[in-house]
Each structure stands twice: as structure tokens, then as C-alpha cells.
Amino acid sequence: MKWEISDQSIAGHARQSAFMLGALGVVFGDIGTSPIYAFRESIKASQDPGNPIVLLGVLSLIFWAVTLVVAVKYVLIVMRADNQGEGGTMALLTLALPASGPFRGWLLFVGLAGASLFFGDAMITPAISVLSAIEGIQIATPALTTYVVPLAACVLIALFLIQRHGSGRVGHYFGPIMAFWFGVLAIAGLWNVLKSPGVLMALDPQYAVGFLAHANAWVGFTVLGSVFLALTGGEALYADMGHFGRRAIRIDWFILVMPALVLNYFGQGALVLSNQEAAQNPFFLMFPAPLLIPLVILTTAATIIASQAVISGAFALVQQAIQLGAIPRLDIKQTSEEAYGQVYLPQINWLLALAVLALVFGFRTSDALANAYGIAVAGDMLVTTILVTTIARGVWKWPWLMVGPVAALFLLLDLVFVASNVHKIPDGGWFPLLVGATALTLMLTWRRGREVALARREEDAIKLETFLVKLDKPNHLIRVPGTAVYLTTRQDVMPAALALNLKHNGVLHASLIFLKVSTARIPRVAEHDRMTCNALAPHVQQVELKFGFAEKPEVLAALKAHASVLGEDISTASFFLGREVPIPALRPDVPLWQEQLYAFMTRNAVRAPDYFLIPPTSVVELGTKVEL
């Protein structure tokens, strides 16, 4: 029997391998660097790290939290809820809303709140990860302690500078480093476990339950809040799914990432069991003194990559939010021709950079930042559980007998972790909550402002039928050669830009196209479904272009691709767009502060021609004032 392997099969395997390597370099950085500080903070919170039963209980909590929340909930269940390959809160929200029934408004608010909390995580993760890595210098050379914060700032600035190259290229370079990193975690952990194999008793969940049952209630809660640090990055796994695909992430997790993390946590536990003084920094003390400087360099590289996971997730989330109309248009740069989810947003990148640097100089140590870390991620995870439960019941049609117990388990876990992180709010947890509240306010204000602005603009809009009737009358309007494309949001009324053009110029082009650009509830729209066209009259067409929420809406390119259907020369067409200027109303429909905030966002949004990639030489913008 002759075996043949096609070039296409080889190319497919090569592409899958590249995605797996890239996923290691982008997706797993956050959760992969949690061993640097998670176990240290957890045993410190227990207040009795010298007690073997307490230590085994804390270690058991970490193991079962990672297994249940990350492996089972996110990797096995939540990743099923991809929206044509895209992940993240916005992708979940687009799937859940059609199945939400009478709870649509409430679910929309919850989903936007979860997306807002992710931004708080995206700011704290780079700061705490890089600081915790560079602090290892203090163990090797205490004289360099004063340089920790400046070095961390320099590393973070370099990280944000390279974002413009795209997560795919970054992952290509970071992937081998992270593969080496997880290998080091596994070897160091295994070496210490072999020296003290009794630590493996912590695999028994009875130690976790026993610790919580016998510990002081306050100590138990603070320990759970620190144990949660081992889970940060779980949400980023799902948010980054559109960058590299579900299959690559799942394979990486079960074959390399999870085994390495478990071995390292147990290795740290074994070290502290045999040497209580190692509890001050068990991760770095696992290694011999001569290896500390190389380890700090490797750890710093790994934490840079950890930051990449949430930065890439933030880019993907913002892109989806723009397409869904939750925030104003921003500059989006596609950085890959193969993966649509790989994007770069300059404004978001530098906003994150400023916030992260402020955190580094404000908190100055990873211990201080640990107090701010967790509450936002825990809240986002709770939102994810609510949305996935809605999808499982309303979209997948799972029976309540299956959905109920699973949802109850994860809701209980999420609520426990949210409650255990509440005590961090006065000591820094207020920061991610403030960021989340600000982002949510911006999104709700933008949605409400757009709703009111469109309603006011169309109060006096002329019905399209009326315009078409007048068009048939002889000598009604002067017609000039050429094609005019009028962008509109409604297909039953005359475009506002057309009304303004007739008012000021009194002429019409020979060919008219009324174009509506809409966002589908899927990441990408197949090209044969991209455009629908309806002839209203001779040389008057109503066209709708659909783009997925993960696509960049290239209007001109899409029209040219379907020029044969339109029957018009799009390359010489003029595009007429209305530009609204919000002004105060005598009878306002929104509070004054929302009105001013909406006006500010409108002024700073990317102009429609730039967002839709229409050449400036082909655009005519007609401004009008809209009362709010």
C-alpha cells in the first residue's frame, strides 16, 4: 500500500504547528508566569506556612482551582462557545443576546460590564508580572534593589513599542522562549518533588476542603483571594482564541502548559515543606545561586510575554466592541493576512502603556500590586459563566438537567472568588474597578448618545418612497454624470447626506447607490454573502454590505469586488457622508454630563472615511447639527 502526503496536508500541519508555537508566545504568558508570585502570596496569607497540613491545603486549593476553573471551565467548556473562531466577552455577548429573551437589556449590561473589567486586568497584569520578575535581582544582588522600578519601566516601554508588529509576529519570536520557560518550570518543579514526594498528597481534594473547614474564616478568604492569582490569565486564553484557534490552545494547554504549572507549584510546595525559610520567595529559591541571574533574565522575558496575552486580548475585545457599536470608531491596523483576529490599535496601546507605567511607579512592588489584582478578573469570570450558561441553554439547547449542575458549580466558584477578593478593594482593588466603571460608562453613554442622535436626525427625514416618486417627475432635478454613493443607517428614509446635498446644491448624479454598512453577529462574513442589492428605480440602487465583527469594513474594496452586480464604475464614484455635530437641546433626552461626554467621544472618533477605508479624494462630507 502506497502512502502519500499532499502538499496541502503538509502546509496544514506546518500552519497548525506555527499557531501552536505562536499561542505559547502570546496566549499562555499570563497564566504561565503566575507561579512567580501566586504560591508565595497564598502561603503568606495562610499565616502558618511552617505547618505541613496548612501548606498541603493551600497547594491543594491551587491545584483544584486550576483544574476546575481553567482546564474544565475555560479550555473544555467556554471555548466551545466560540463565534466562528473568535473568543472574548464580546463574542460571547453576540451569541447570548439572541437567546436572552426578556432579559436582553439586563444581559447586555452584564456583558458590557464583563468586557469593561477585562481592561482593568489588561493594565495590572503587565505591571505585576514584570515587577515580580525583576524583583528576583534583589535575591541575587541586593545592591540593585533601587533599580527594580526603573528597569521594569524600561522593559514595559519596550513591550508596548513592539506591539505595532502584531501578535502573530510577536508570538513567532516569543513562542520558543515560552516553550523553554515551561520546560524550566517543569524540570525545577520535578527536581524538588522528587526530593520530597510527600507533597503529592495535596492532589487529594480533602486537604483543600480540610484547610477551609478548619482555618479561621478571614484567613480562609484571604488565602482564596491569593489562590485566585494562579487563575489570572484564564480569561485571556479565551479572549485570544481568535488569534491562534481553539485547537492550538487546547493542545498546548494539556500537553505542556498545565503539566509544567502543576509540577512547579508542587515543586515550590516541596521546597517549603523541607525548608520553611524558603517561603519568603519559593520560586526563585528553587534554583541554585549561580543560576539566579540567568533565571531573572528568563523570567523577565516570560513576564513580558505574559503581558502580551492580555494586551492582545484587549485589542481583540476593543475591535469587536467598535464593530458592535459599543464604543466610537478607533484606528485599527490588521497585522496578519492569515488571522483576522490579529490587530493593533495605537490609541489603546498607548493608553494601556500610560496606565501600566502609572501602576509601576505608584505601587512599586509586586506585593503591593497583588492587593489590586484579582477582583476585576474574578468579576469578568463570573460574567463569562452567566453568558455561557445562557448560550448552553438557549443556543446549544442543552437540557436543564445538564446545564443546571454545571452552571451552579461554576457560579459558586466564581462568587466565592469574587467575595474572597473584595477585601483587596481598599488596598488597590479600587483601581481595576474604577477602570471598569469608566469603560462601562463610556460604552453605555456612547450607545445611548448614538441612539438619541440617530432618532433626532431622522425626525424630519423624508420617506424614501416620497423621494422616488418625485424622482420620476420630469425636470424635477438636474442630473449630472457619474455615480454617487450615499451612506445611510436606515433603508426606509432618504439619506441625510442626500437631503443636505439637494438643499445646498440642487443636483443629483446620474447613478445613485444608497449604501448601508452593517455588522453581522459572526466574526467574518463569506464573500458571497457580503452584499445584497435591490434596484429601486433606473440607476438607483439600495445596497447593504455586511462585515463580521472581527473584520475591518473595507467598503470601497467590497464594492469593487461586486462591481459586476452593481453595474456601475465604482472607481470614479463619489461617496457622500453625513457628519453630525452634537449640540445641547432645549429638551434634552440625556443628562448634561452624558451629552458632553458623547460630544467629546464624537470629536475624537476616527472619521468615517478613514474607518471605512474610502480614499479622501472620493469623499464629500456634509455636516449637520444634531440636538441631544
Foldseek 3Di string as FASTA:
>chain_A
DDDDDDPVNVVVVVLLVLLLLLCLLAQCLLLLLLLQPLLLQLCVLLVCLQDLLLLLLLLLLLLVCCCCQQVPPQLPFLLVQAQQQAFDLLLLLLLQQVLCPPCNVVLVLLSLLLLLLLLLLLQLLLQLQLLSLLCLVCVLPVVCLVCSLVVSLVLLVVLLVCCQLWSSVSSSVRSVLSLVSLVVLQVLLQVLCVVPVVSVVSNPNVSNVVSCVPGDVLSSLLSLLSSCSSVPSSSLNRLCRLVRHSVSSSCCCPPTRVSSVSSNSSSLSSVCNVPVVCSNGSNQVSDDSVCSVVSSVSSSSSSSSSSSSSQLSSLLSVLLCCQVQLAFAFDWAQNDPPRLSIIDTVVSSVVSSVSNSCCCVVQVHSVLSSLQPQLSVLSSQLSSLVSSLSCVCRPVVDDCVVSVVSSVVSNVVSVSNNVSSPVSCVSNVVSSVVSSVVSSLNRVLSVVVVVQQVCQLCPVFAFPVVVVVLVPDPPSFAEDEAEEEEEDADDGTDGSLVVVCCVPPRYHYPAYEYEYEHEDSHQADDLVPQKDWDDPDVRYIYMYGYGYSSHQQQPLVSCVVVVVVSVHDSVQYAYEYEQEQEDEDPDDPDDPVSSVSNNVSSVPHDDPCVSNVPDPVRYDYDYDYTHD
